[in-house]
Protein backbone atom coordinates (compact mmCIF):
# COMPACT_ATOMS: atom_id res chain seq x y z
CA MET A 1 0.00 0.00 0.00
CA GLU A 2 1.10 3.58 -0.59
CA ASN A 3 1.50 4.52 3.07
CA GLN A 4 3.19 1.31 4.28
CA PRO A 5 6.99 1.27 4.75
CA THR A 6 8.93 -0.61 2.07
CA LYS A 7 12.07 -2.63 2.52
CA GLN A 8 15.00 -0.65 3.98
CA LYS A 9 17.19 0.65 1.13
CA SER A 10 20.06 2.64 2.65
CA GLY A 11 21.26 4.64 5.62
CA ARG A 12 22.02 1.66 7.82
CA GLN A 13 21.70 2.40 11.55
CA GLU A 14 25.26 1.21 12.22
CA ASP A 15 26.74 4.06 10.08
CA VAL A 16 27.09 6.51 12.99
CA PRO A 17 25.83 4.74 16.12
CA ALA A 18 27.22 7.34 18.54
CA ALA A 19 25.24 10.14 16.88
CA TRP A 20 22.08 8.04 16.84
CA SER A 21 22.33 7.39 20.61
CA ILE A 22 22.51 11.14 21.17
CA LEU A 23 19.33 11.67 19.17
CA GLU A 24 17.59 8.88 21.06
CA ALA A 25 18.16 10.70 24.36
CA ILE A 26 16.57 13.97 23.16
CA PRO A 27 12.85 14.20 24.13
CA GLU A 28 11.56 15.61 20.82
CA PRO A 29 10.84 14.04 17.42
CA LEU A 30 14.06 14.07 15.33
CA VAL A 31 14.72 12.69 11.84
CA VAL A 32 18.04 12.57 9.95
CA VAL A 33 17.42 12.85 6.21
CA THR A 34 19.78 12.18 3.33
CA LEU A 35 19.51 14.30 0.25
CA PRO A 36 17.46 14.10 -1.91
CA GLY A 37 15.20 12.86 0.89
CA GLN A 38 15.47 9.44 2.53
CA VAL A 39 15.22 8.74 6.25
CA ALA A 40 18.70 7.85 7.58
CA TYR A 41 17.48 7.70 11.20
CA ALA A 42 14.40 8.52 13.24
CA ASN A 43 14.40 8.50 17.02
CA ALA A 44 11.66 6.87 19.10
CA GLU A 45 9.82 10.18 19.56
CA ALA A 46 9.56 10.60 15.76
CA ALA A 47 8.37 7.02 15.28
CA GLN A 48 5.68 7.58 17.90
CA LEU A 49 4.65 10.87 16.26
CA PHE A 50 4.05 9.20 12.88
CA GLY A 51 2.76 5.89 14.27
CA TYR A 52 5.36 3.55 12.65
CA PRO A 53 7.76 1.04 14.20
CA GLN A 54 11.06 2.83 14.64
CA ALA A 55 13.26 0.37 12.70
CA SER A 56 10.88 0.31 9.71
CA LEU A 57 11.49 4.00 8.96
CA ILE A 58 15.17 3.69 8.06
CA GLY A 59 15.66 4.12 4.30
CA GLN A 60 12.08 5.19 3.64
CA PRO A 61 11.39 8.29 1.48
CA LEU A 62 10.63 11.39 3.53
CA GLY A 63 7.50 11.88 1.42
CA LEU A 64 6.02 8.85 3.14
CA LEU A 65 5.94 10.84 6.41
CA LEU A 66 5.70 14.47 5.38
CA ARG A 67 3.88 16.42 2.72
CA SER A 68 4.13 20.10 1.93
CA ALA A 69 1.30 22.46 2.72
CA SER A 70 0.11 22.03 -0.89
CA GLY A 71 -0.13 18.27 -0.39
CA GLU A 72 2.94 17.33 -2.50
CA PRO A 73 5.65 15.01 -1.08
CA PHE A 74 7.96 16.99 1.15
CA ASN A 75 11.15 15.57 -0.51
CA ASP A 76 11.11 18.04 -3.39
CA ASP A 77 10.28 20.97 -1.12
CA LEU A 78 13.14 20.06 1.21
CA GLU A 79 15.66 19.58 -1.60
CA TYR A 80 14.74 22.87 -3.21
CA GLU A 81 14.91 24.86 0.02
CA LEU A 82 18.20 23.32 1.13
CA ALA A 83 19.84 23.68 -2.28
CA ARG A 84 18.80 27.30 -2.50
CA ALA A 85 20.03 28.06 1.02
CA ARG A 86 23.50 26.54 0.98
CA LYS A 87 26.66 27.25 -0.94
CA ASP A 88 28.07 23.92 0.14
CA ALA A 89 27.03 21.27 2.63
CA GLY A 90 26.97 23.78 5.50
CA PHE A 91 24.03 24.54 7.81
CA PRO A 92 21.06 26.03 5.88
CA ARG A 93 20.63 29.14 8.01
CA SER A 94 18.13 30.96 5.78
CA TRP A 95 15.43 28.32 6.25
CA SER A 96 14.37 28.45 9.92
CA SER A 97 11.14 26.47 9.83
CA ARG A 98 8.37 25.33 7.54
CA ARG A 99 4.86 24.12 8.15
CA ALA A 100 4.07 20.71 6.66
CA LEU A 101 1.56 17.89 6.99
CA GLY A 102 2.47 14.72 8.85
CA VAL A 103 0.98 11.48 7.52
CA HIS A 104 -0.12 8.55 9.68
CA PRO A 105 -0.13 4.96 8.25
CA ASN A 106 -3.91 5.21 7.79
CA GLY A 107 -3.48 8.32 5.65
CA GLN A 108 -4.72 10.75 8.31
CA GLN A 109 -2.84 14.05 8.18
CA PHE A 110 -1.90 16.48 10.95
CA PRO A 111 0.01 19.80 11.00
CA VAL A 112 3.73 19.63 11.74
CA GLU A 113 6.42 22.29 12.09
CA VAL A 114 9.73 21.22 10.43
CA ARG A 115 12.96 22.91 11.55
CA PRO A 116 16.42 22.00 10.10
CA ARG A 117 18.91 21.92 13.00
CA GLU A 118 22.39 21.07 11.64
CA THR A 119 24.33 18.72 9.38
CA ALA A 120 27.50 17.71 11.25
CA PRO A 121 28.12 15.16 12.66
CA PHE A 122 25.58 13.40 10.43
CA GLY A 123 27.49 13.78 7.17
CA GLU A 124 27.82 16.18 4.29
CA ARG A 125 24.63 15.12 2.52
CA ARG A 126 22.50 14.72 5.61
CA VAL A 127 20.41 17.17 7.60
CA LEU A 128 18.77 16.85 11.01
CA LEU A 129 15.09 17.82 11.10
CA ALA A 130 13.34 18.65 14.38
CA LEU A 131 9.56 18.16 14.29
CA ARG A 132 6.75 19.59 16.38
CA ASP A 133 3.17 18.32 16.39
CA LEU A 134 1.15 21.49 15.80
CA SER A 135 -2.17 19.71 16.23
CA ARG A 136 -1.35 19.15 19.90
CA ALA A 137 -0.08 22.70 20.30
CA GLU A 138 -3.20 24.07 18.63
CA SER A 139 -5.38 21.85 20.79
CA LEU A 140 -3.64 23.12 23.92
CA ALA A 141 -4.00 26.71 22.70
CA ASP A 142 -7.70 26.15 22.04
CA GLU A 143 -8.10 24.67 25.51
CA ARG A 144 -6.21 27.57 27.06
CA ASN A 145 -8.36 30.10 25.20
CA ARG A 146 -11.49 28.25 26.27
CA LEU A 147 -10.41 28.32 29.93
CA ILE A 148 -9.59 32.02 29.67
CA ALA A 149 -13.01 32.69 28.13
CA HIS A 150 -14.69 30.74 30.94
CA GLU A 151 -12.78 32.67 33.60
CA GLU A 152 -13.67 35.97 31.94
CA THR A 153 -17.33 34.93 31.81
CA ILE A 154 -17.37 34.07 35.51
CA ALA A 155 -15.59 37.34 36.33
CA ARG A 156 -18.07 39.40 34.28
CA ILE A 157 -21.08 37.71 35.86
CA ALA A 158 -19.55 38.11 39.34
CA GLN A 159 -18.98 41.80 38.65
CA SER A 160 -22.60 42.16 37.54
CA LEU A 161 -23.73 40.63 40.85
CA VAL A 162 -21.74 43.01 43.05
CA ASP A 163 -24.04 44.88 45.46
CA GLN A 164 -27.14 43.05 44.20
CA THR A 165 -29.16 42.11 47.28
CA ASP A 166 -32.69 41.70 45.97
CA LEU A 167 -33.42 38.04 45.16
CA ALA A 168 -35.67 38.81 42.19
CA THR A 169 -33.03 41.12 40.72
CA VAL A 170 -30.30 38.53 41.26
CA VAL A 171 -32.09 35.68 39.46
CA GLU A 172 -33.15 37.94 36.58
CA LEU A 173 -29.56 39.09 36.22
CA LEU A 174 -28.31 35.50 36.26
CA VAL A 175 -30.73 34.54 33.51
CA ALA A 176 -29.85 37.55 31.35
CA GLU A 177 -26.08 37.14 31.76
CA GLY A 178 -26.30 33.38 31.25
CA ARG A 179 -28.05 33.81 27.93
CA ARG A 180 -25.84 36.67 26.75
CA MET A 181 -22.45 35.20 27.68
CA LEU A 182 -23.05 31.48 27.19
CA ASP A 183 -24.94 31.78 23.89
CA PHE A 184 -27.94 29.63 24.84
CA GLU A 185 -31.39 30.48 23.48
CA VAL A 186 -33.26 29.34 26.60
CA VAL A 187 -32.22 29.89 30.23
CA VAL A 188 -34.42 28.93 33.19
CA ILE A 189 -33.85 29.15 36.95
CA TRP A 190 -35.89 27.26 39.53
CA LEU A 191 -35.66 27.58 43.31
CA ALA A 192 -35.91 24.30 45.18
CA ASP A 193 -37.92 23.23 48.21
CA PRO A 194 -36.10 20.02 49.22
CA ALA A 195 -38.64 19.23 51.96
CA ARG A 196 -41.53 19.22 49.47
CA ARG A 197 -39.28 17.97 46.64
CA THR A 198 -40.46 20.71 44.30
CA LEU A 199 -38.94 23.27 41.94
CA THR A 200 -40.51 26.69 41.42
CA LEU A 201 -39.67 28.69 38.30
CA VAL A 202 -38.45 32.18 39.27
CA ALA A 203 -36.90 33.50 36.05
CA GLN A 204 -36.59 32.49 32.39
CA ARG A 205 -35.71 33.72 28.92
CA ASP A 206 -37.29 32.71 25.59
CA LEU A 207 -39.96 30.34 26.88
CA SER A 208 -43.40 30.64 25.36
CA PRO A 209 -46.19 31.51 27.83
CA ALA A 210 -47.53 27.97 27.56
CA GLU A 211 -44.08 26.47 28.16
CA ALA A 212 -43.45 28.79 31.13
CA ALA A 213 -46.76 27.74 32.66
CA ARG A 214 -45.92 24.07 32.08
CA LEU A 215 -42.55 24.48 33.84
CA SER A 216 -43.70 26.81 36.61
CA GLN A 217 -43.95 24.08 39.26
CA LEU A 218 -42.12 20.75 39.00
CA THR A 219 -41.76 17.85 41.36
CA PHE A 220 -38.45 16.02 41.56
CA ASP A 221 -40.14 13.08 39.79
CA SER A 222 -41.42 15.14 36.87
CA PRO A 223 -40.30 14.07 33.35
CA PHE A 224 -37.91 16.99 32.90
CA VAL A 225 -34.12 17.19 32.82
CA ALA A 226 -34.12 19.88 35.53
CA ALA A 227 -36.21 17.68 37.82
CA ALA A 228 -33.78 14.78 37.27
CA ALA A 229 -30.85 17.07 38.13
CA ALA A 230 -32.57 18.06 41.38
CA LYS A 231 -33.55 14.50 42.25
CA ASP A 232 -30.12 12.97 41.59
CA ARG A 233 -28.22 16.11 42.79
CA GLU A 234 -25.94 16.03 39.73
CA VAL A 235 -25.50 17.73 36.36
CA LYS A 236 -27.67 16.34 33.57
CA ALA A 237 -26.70 17.04 29.96
CA VAL A 238 -28.29 16.03 26.65
CA SER A 239 -26.13 16.88 23.62
CA ASP A 240 -28.61 15.82 20.92
CA VAL A 241 -32.18 14.80 21.65
CA ALA A 242 -32.44 12.99 18.30
CA VAL A 243 -29.75 10.41 19.13
CA ALA A 244 -29.55 10.45 22.94
CA ARG A 245 -30.80 7.46 24.92
CA LEU A 246 -33.52 9.09 27.05
CA PRO A 247 -36.70 8.03 28.81
CA GLU A 248 -39.52 8.62 26.36
CA ASP A 249 -41.36 11.10 28.60
CA ILE A 250 -38.23 13.29 28.93
CA ARG A 251 -37.64 13.10 25.16
CA ARG A 252 -41.22 14.25 24.53
CA SER A 253 -40.87 17.16 26.99
CA LEU A 254 -37.70 18.39 25.24
CA GLU A 255 -39.20 18.02 21.77
CA GLN A 256 -42.33 19.81 22.93
CA GLY A 257 -40.14 22.71 24.07
CA GLY A 258 -38.36 22.75 20.72
CA LEU A 259 -34.94 21.97 22.26
CA ALA A 260 -32.23 19.83 20.65
CA SER A 261 -29.79 19.99 23.60
CA VAL A 262 -30.04 20.97 27.25
CA ILE A 263 -27.91 21.05 30.38
CA ALA A 264 -29.38 21.30 33.89
CA VAL A 265 -27.06 22.15 36.81
CA PRO A 266 -28.15 21.86 40.46
CA ILE A 267 -27.21 24.83 42.68
CA PHE A 268 -25.90 23.99 46.14
CA GLN A 269 -24.96 26.02 49.21
CA LYS A 270 -23.12 23.91 51.78
CA GLN A 271 -24.67 20.70 50.46
CA ARG A 272 -28.16 22.24 50.61
CA LEU A 273 -30.03 22.29 47.29
CA LEU A 274 -31.02 25.86 46.45
CA GLY A 275 -32.32 25.31 42.94
CA VAL A 276 -31.50 24.36 39.37
CA VAL A 277 -30.31 26.44 36.43
CA SER A 278 -31.02 25.02 32.98
CA TYR A 279 -29.70 26.07 29.54
CA GLY A 280 -31.27 24.96 26.30
CA SER A 281 -30.30 25.19 22.64
CA ARG A 282 -32.41 24.58 19.55
CA SER A 283 -29.45 22.88 17.86
CA PRO A 284 -27.23 19.99 19.07
CA ARG A 285 -24.41 21.04 21.36
CA GLN A 286 -21.56 19.01 22.79
CA PHE A 287 -20.79 19.11 26.53
CA ASN A 288 -17.27 17.86 27.23
CA VAL A 289 -15.64 17.44 30.64
CA GLY A 290 -14.29 20.99 30.65
CA GLU A 291 -17.70 22.41 29.74
CA LEU A 292 -19.38 20.51 32.59
CA ALA A 293 -16.74 21.72 35.07
CA PHE A 294 -17.32 25.29 33.90
CA HIS A 295 -21.07 25.04 34.47
CA ARG A 296 -20.50 23.61 37.96
CA ALA A 297 -18.23 26.57 38.78
CA LEU A 298 -20.83 28.96 37.43
CA ALA A 299 -23.50 27.26 39.58
CA ASP A 300 -21.31 27.78 42.66
CA LEU A 301 -21.22 31.50 41.85
CA PHE A 302 -25.00 31.52 41.41
CA ALA A 303 -25.38 29.78 44.78
CA VAL A 304 -23.44 32.48 46.60
CA ALA A 305 -25.43 35.26 44.93
CA ILE A 306 -28.82 33.62 45.58
CA GLU A 307 -27.99 32.75 49.18
CA ASN A 308 -26.68 36.25 49.91
CA ALA A 309 -29.82 37.79 48.44
CA ARG A 310 -32.03 35.41 50.42
CA LEU A 311 -30.21 36.14 53.69
CA TYR A 312 -30.34 39.87 53.00
CA GLY A 313 -34.09 39.61 52.45
CA GLU A 314 -34.54 37.71 55.70
CA LEU A 315 -32.40 40.28 57.51
CA ASN A 316 -34.44 43.13 56.08
CA GLN A 317 -37.63 41.43 57.20
CA ALA A 318 -36.21 40.89 60.69
CA MET A 319 -35.08 44.53 60.83
CA LYS A 320 -38.51 45.68 59.77
CA LEU A 321 -40.19 43.59 62.48
CA ARG A 322 -37.68 44.86 65.03
CA GLU A 323 -38.31 48.48 64.04
CA GLU A 324 -42.06 47.95 64.25
CA PHE A 325 -41.67 46.41 67.70
CA ILE A 326 -39.35 49.19 68.91
CA GLY A 327 -41.70 51.84 67.57
CA ALA A 328 -44.75 50.27 69.21
CA ALA A 329 -42.92 49.73 72.51
CA GLY A 330 -41.59 53.29 72.49
CA HIS A 331 -45.02 54.79 71.94
CA GLU A 332 -46.54 52.59 74.68
CA LEU A 333 -43.82 53.60 77.15
CA LYS A 334 -44.05 57.28 76.32
CA THR A 335 -47.47 57.78 77.90
CA PRO A 336 -46.84 56.31 81.40
CA VAL A 337 -43.41 57.98 81.64
CA THR A 338 -44.97 61.33 80.74
CA VAL A 339 -47.61 60.80 83.44
CA ILE A 340 -44.94 59.88 86.02
CA LYS A 341 -42.93 62.99 85.25
CA GLY A 342 -45.99 65.25 85.35
CA ARG A 343 -47.11 63.89 88.74
CA THR A 344 -43.54 64.20 90.08
CA GLN A 345 -43.34 67.84 89.05
CA LEU A 346 -46.70 68.56 90.80
CA LEU A 347 -45.47 66.89 93.98
CA LEU A 348 -42.23 68.87 93.84
CA LYS A 349 -44.19 72.14 93.86
CA GLU A 350 -46.00 71.11 97.04
CA ALA A 351 -43.20 69.22 98.85
CA THR A 352 -41.40 71.00 101.73
CA ASP A 353 -39.60 68.14 103.46
CA GLU A 354 -35.99 68.00 102.20
CA PRO A 355 -35.70 64.16 101.97
CA VAL A 356 -38.95 64.04 100.02
CA VAL A 357 -37.75 66.76 97.65
CA ARG A 358 -34.49 64.90 96.98
CA ALA A 359 -36.38 61.68 96.33
CA LEU A 360 -38.74 63.40 93.91
CA GLN A 361 -35.80 65.06 92.14
CA THR A 362 -34.19 61.64 91.73
CA ILE A 363 -37.42 60.32 90.23
CA GLU A 364 -37.52 63.28 87.85
CA ARG A 365 -33.92 62.74 86.71
CA GLN A 366 -34.47 59.04 86.10
CA THR A 367 -37.70 59.83 84.28
CA ASP A 368 -35.76 62.18 82.01
CA ARG A 369 -33.25 59.41 81.40
CA ILE A 370 -36.02 56.97 80.44
CA THR A 371 -37.56 59.63 78.20
CA SER A 372 -34.21 60.11 76.45
CA LEU A 373 -33.93 56.34 75.92
CA ILE A 374 -37.46 56.18 74.51
CA ASP A 375 -36.63 59.04 72.14
CA ASP A 376 -33.59 57.09 70.91
CA LEU A 377 -35.70 53.96 70.40
CA LEU A 378 -38.23 55.92 68.38
CA ALA A 379 -35.38 57.52 66.42
CA ILE A 380 -34.11 54.03 65.45
CA ALA A 381 -37.61 53.09 64.30
CA ARG A 382 -37.83 56.28 62.22
CA LEU A 383 -34.28 56.13 60.91
CA ARG A 384 -34.82 54.15 57.71
CA THR A 385 -37.95 55.98 56.59
CA GLY A 386 -36.38 59.24 57.73
CA LEU A 387 -33.37 58.68 55.52
CA GLU A 388 -35.63 57.92 52.59
CA LYS A 389 -37.79 61.02 53.08
CA LEU A 390 -35.12 63.57 53.97
CA LYS A 391 -33.54 64.85 50.80
CA PRO A 392 -29.86 65.87 50.91
CA GLU A 393 -28.99 69.53 50.67
CA VAL A 394 -25.77 71.49 50.35
CA PHE A 395 -24.88 73.22 53.63
CA ASP A 396 -21.85 74.48 55.56
CA LEU A 397 -20.86 71.76 58.01
CA GLY A 398 -18.71 74.16 60.05
CA LYS A 399 -21.62 76.51 60.65
CA LEU A 400 -23.86 73.60 61.67
CA LEU A 401 -21.19 72.51 64.17
CA GLU A 402 -21.05 75.98 65.72
CA GLN A 403 -24.86 76.07 66.07
CA GLN A 404 -24.97 72.67 67.78
CA VAL A 405 -22.14 73.62 70.17
CA GLU A 406 -24.04 76.77 71.15
CA ASP A 407 -27.25 74.79 71.85
CA VAL A 408 -25.60 71.96 73.82
CA ALA A 409 -23.46 74.38 75.88
CA ARG A 410 -26.66 75.71 77.50
CA THR A 411 -27.37 72.28 79.02
CA THR A 412 -24.29 72.10 81.28
CA GLU A 413 -22.60 74.40 83.76
CA HIS A 414 -19.45 72.33 84.30
CA HIS A 415 -18.02 72.18 80.79
CA GLN A 416 -16.43 74.72 78.52
CA PHE A 417 -16.76 74.41 74.73
CA GLN A 418 -14.28 75.59 72.14
CA PRO A 419 -15.44 75.45 68.51
CA ARG A 420 -12.69 75.61 65.86
CA VAL A 421 -13.80 76.21 62.27
CA ASP A 422 -11.32 77.84 59.89
CA GLU A 423 -13.27 77.84 56.61
CA PRO A 424 -16.63 76.93 55.07
CA LEU A 425 -16.98 73.18 54.53
CA TRP A 426 -19.75 72.48 52.03
CA VAL A 427 -21.28 69.00 52.09
CA ASP A 428 -24.31 67.43 50.41
CA ALA A 429 -26.25 65.51 53.08
CA ALA A 430 -29.37 65.53 55.27
CA SER A 431 -28.54 68.48 57.53
CA THR A 432 -31.16 67.59 60.17
CA LEU A 433 -29.66 64.13 60.67
CA ILE A 434 -26.07 65.41 60.65
CA GLY A 435 -27.11 67.95 63.30
CA GLU A 436 -28.37 65.03 65.42
CA VAL A 437 -25.02 63.28 65.02
CA ILE A 438 -23.09 66.34 66.22
CA ARG A 439 -25.46 66.71 69.19
CA HIS A 440 -25.03 63.03 70.12
CA LEU A 441 -21.24 63.36 70.01
CA LEU A 442 -21.28 66.52 72.12
CA GLU A 443 -23.57 64.93 74.72
CA ASN A 444 -21.33 61.87 74.67
CA ALA A 445 -18.31 64.09 75.43
CA ILE A 446 -20.17 65.58 78.40
CA ARG A 447 -21.05 62.09 79.63
CA TYR A 448 -17.43 60.88 79.35
CA SER A 449 -16.10 63.86 81.33
CA PRO A 450 -18.44 63.96 84.37
CA GLY A 451 -16.02 66.18 86.28
CA GLY A 452 -16.33 68.97 83.72
CA GLY A 453 -13.51 70.42 81.63
CA LEU A 454 -12.83 71.59 78.11
CA ILE A 455 -14.54 70.06 75.07
CA VAL A 456 -13.08 71.00 71.68
CA ALA A 457 -15.31 70.84 68.58
CA ARG A 458 -13.22 71.09 65.43
CA ALA A 459 -14.15 71.06 61.71
CA GLU A 460 -11.47 70.96 59.02
CA ARG A 461 -10.70 69.97 55.44
CA ARG A 462 -8.61 66.89 54.60
CA GLY A 463 -8.28 66.35 50.89
CA ASN A 464 -11.81 65.97 49.52
CA GLN A 465 -13.30 65.19 52.95
CA ALA A 466 -14.78 67.37 55.69
CA ILE A 467 -13.74 66.11 59.14
CA VAL A 468 -15.53 66.87 62.41
CA GLN A 469 -13.80 66.01 65.71
CA ILE A 470 -15.24 66.22 69.24
CA VAL A 471 -12.44 66.02 71.82
CA ASP A 472 -13.00 65.55 75.56
CA HIS A 473 -10.52 65.17 78.42
CA GLY A 474 -12.53 62.68 80.43
CA VAL A 475 -12.17 59.07 81.56
CA GLY A 476 -11.41 57.53 78.17
CA ILE A 477 -12.31 54.03 76.98
CA PRO A 478 -10.27 50.82 77.49
CA PRO A 479 -8.87 49.46 74.17
CA GLU A 480 -10.70 46.12 74.49
CA ARG A 481 -14.07 47.93 74.67
CA GLN A 482 -13.54 50.44 71.87
CA ARG A 483 -14.74 48.06 69.13
CA TYR A 484 -18.20 47.96 70.75
CA VAL A 485 -18.64 51.72 71.21
CA PHE A 486 -20.99 52.13 68.24
CA GLU A 487 -23.16 49.15 69.18
CA PRO A 488 -26.42 49.66 71.12
CA PHE A 489 -26.46 49.26 74.91
CA TYR A 490 -22.80 48.83 75.79
CA GLU A 491 -20.75 49.72 78.88
CA SER A 492 -17.70 51.74 77.90
CA VAL A 493 -16.13 51.26 81.34
CA PRO A 494 -16.47 48.08 83.44
CA ALA A 495 -18.84 48.27 86.39
CA GLY A 496 -17.02 49.47 89.50
CA ALA A 497 -14.07 50.92 87.57
CA PRO A 498 -13.20 54.64 87.84
CA GLY A 499 -15.37 56.66 85.51
CA TYR A 500 -18.14 54.03 85.27
CA ILE A 501 -21.27 55.68 83.89
CA GLY A 502 -23.46 52.65 83.23
CA LEU A 503 -25.02 51.78 79.88
CA VAL A 504 -24.43 54.39 77.21
CA SER A 505 -27.46 55.67 75.31
CA LEU A 506 -28.20 54.79 71.68
CA GLY A 507 -26.81 58.09 70.38
CA LEU A 508 -23.52 56.65 69.10
CA TYR A 509 -25.30 53.73 67.43
CA LEU A 510 -27.68 56.15 65.71
CA SER A 511 -24.76 58.37 64.69
CA LYS A 512 -22.98 55.51 62.94
CA GLN A 513 -26.12 54.51 61.04
CA ILE A 514 -26.67 58.09 59.88
CA ILE A 515 -23.07 58.79 58.83
CA ASN A 516 -22.76 55.48 56.95
CA ALA A 517 -26.03 56.18 55.14
CA GLN A 518 -24.71 59.61 54.10
CA GLY A 519 -21.56 58.15 52.53
CA GLY A 520 -19.19 59.01 55.38
CA GLN A 521 -17.23 57.25 58.10
CA ILE A 522 -17.19 57.54 61.89
CA TRP A 523 -14.44 56.50 64.33
CA LEU A 524 -12.86 57.18 67.73
CA ILE A 525 -9.42 57.55 69.32
CA SER A 526 -9.27 57.00 73.07
CA ALA A 527 -7.04 56.00 75.97
CA PRO A 528 -8.03 55.36 79.62
CA GLY A 529 -7.57 58.50 81.70
CA LYS A 530 -6.64 60.65 78.69
CA GLY A 531 -10.02 61.38 77.15
CA SER A 532 -11.58 60.49 73.79
CA THR A 533 -11.86 61.93 70.30
CA PHE A 534 -14.95 61.01 68.29
CA ALA A 535 -14.83 61.98 64.64
CA PHE A 536 -16.71 61.58 61.38
CA SER A 537 -16.09 62.46 57.74
CA LEU A 538 -18.34 63.49 54.85
CA PRO A 539 -17.42 64.08 51.19
CA LEU A 540 -16.96 67.74 50.30
CA THR A 541 -18.95 69.31 47.47
CA ARG A 542 -19.04 72.62 45.61
CA ALA A 543 -20.45 75.68 47.30
CA PRO A 544 -23.98 76.55 46.17
CA GLU A 545 -24.29 79.32 43.58
CA THR A 546 -25.98 82.46 44.88
CA GLY A 547 -26.90 85.91 43.66
CA ALA A 548 -25.63 87.00 40.27
CA ALA A 549 -23.80 83.72 39.64
CA ALA A 550 -27.00 81.71 39.99
CA ALA A 551 -28.99 84.22 37.92
CA ALA A 552 -26.42 84.00 35.12
CA HIS A 553 -27.19 80.30 34.74
């Protein structure tokens, strides 16, 4: 036959045995060719590349193994190139490499790169050819490009999911991105109820209304690929409905939906089944091992996004219930406390006995403290809706600080206040809420310095931020307790320690919620016995246009 080796003709192996042993030790396909083109030697790597027994290649024409890109035997091409490149039998430096076609014994061809290496020590009319299987290299390149594309797809979908906390938005985004980036006509997502063994359709693309209704609620035993994926907790893939071996009911369901191929991937979070994502194509589509691994990785990303959105929804619901409870409790407490304070004030007007007066004054002070706590509770309940209703405005933060210092200074006789504002600091925020923050921080400074002293209120510019600092010279806060300062109902100083003032009000907690919602940050610097500095930042903005400048626009 044309592609079978013939009887060895020349180039006996024993001609230069030392050189052949060198070639045998090199881990790449190498062939020594005599001119005009017979194989003098081929190492084991070359024999394996072409699929022939090594010994049978000696003396065979090179055209048996290699053909030029045009399909002609490579002998003529080689002879022409070498003759043109050399003046004598020296190394053909002008011909660095050439693409050719390797030929297997069955006639199958594959791309090969041919590179002449040298002539000595193989003889004047011999040249060493190094070969590289380009089909393998191209296959590896294709695989590398495919992996890169998969990684880019996952990265793009992950980026799209950043900050998405609404479950409906998340699943719609997953469906849209899945269809756009994976090039499937149909994408469907179901959420699972493992206890009831059901799947509920939550988002889809390109299903007809009738098909969407048919798939809206599935049991794990339903005749659908997605149901089988949920039931068996593994990926199910059908490359071609026409030839796949499928249960007849599943085949009918796919044909009814007009799909030729489908892949259904279960979505898990810590071994708990969250749902199933299914992709369908109206033409056959192959799913190799790499493709299946990619879809599993994508399902893991979906699981994180869906679970985060679900937990965020549950948290929001819990927060809403908590706020409703706090609001109701605050309003219920407000009435009896108001009655207690009113009766106490009436008794104080009539009381003449000193011990009774002191007792009533204590009741009045504690009533005021309870009233302040109730006000904070109601403020927490109003905070979210308040932030939604209060529109930001551009105002001078330094001027607001000076106004709050002036108001709070009237409430104490034992503290001195020193405002320091060097320039206007324009910010775009809810001024009413920021005023509450400043008041809370000033009252906090008074509370932390019960013996009186100086409180400095400073506003300054740092880069593109406005910074407000409230500095007291009071008891300070131990380092191990500073991380809890902005949490509700904490003790800044241990009970019985110097400077103990009991539970701190909710003012700092409220302040953090407000500042974070306005795009700023809040922090403290403190040391026991050396006082505390509470500070917050807000982004600066441009001063509002007034007068002629505004009229000109």
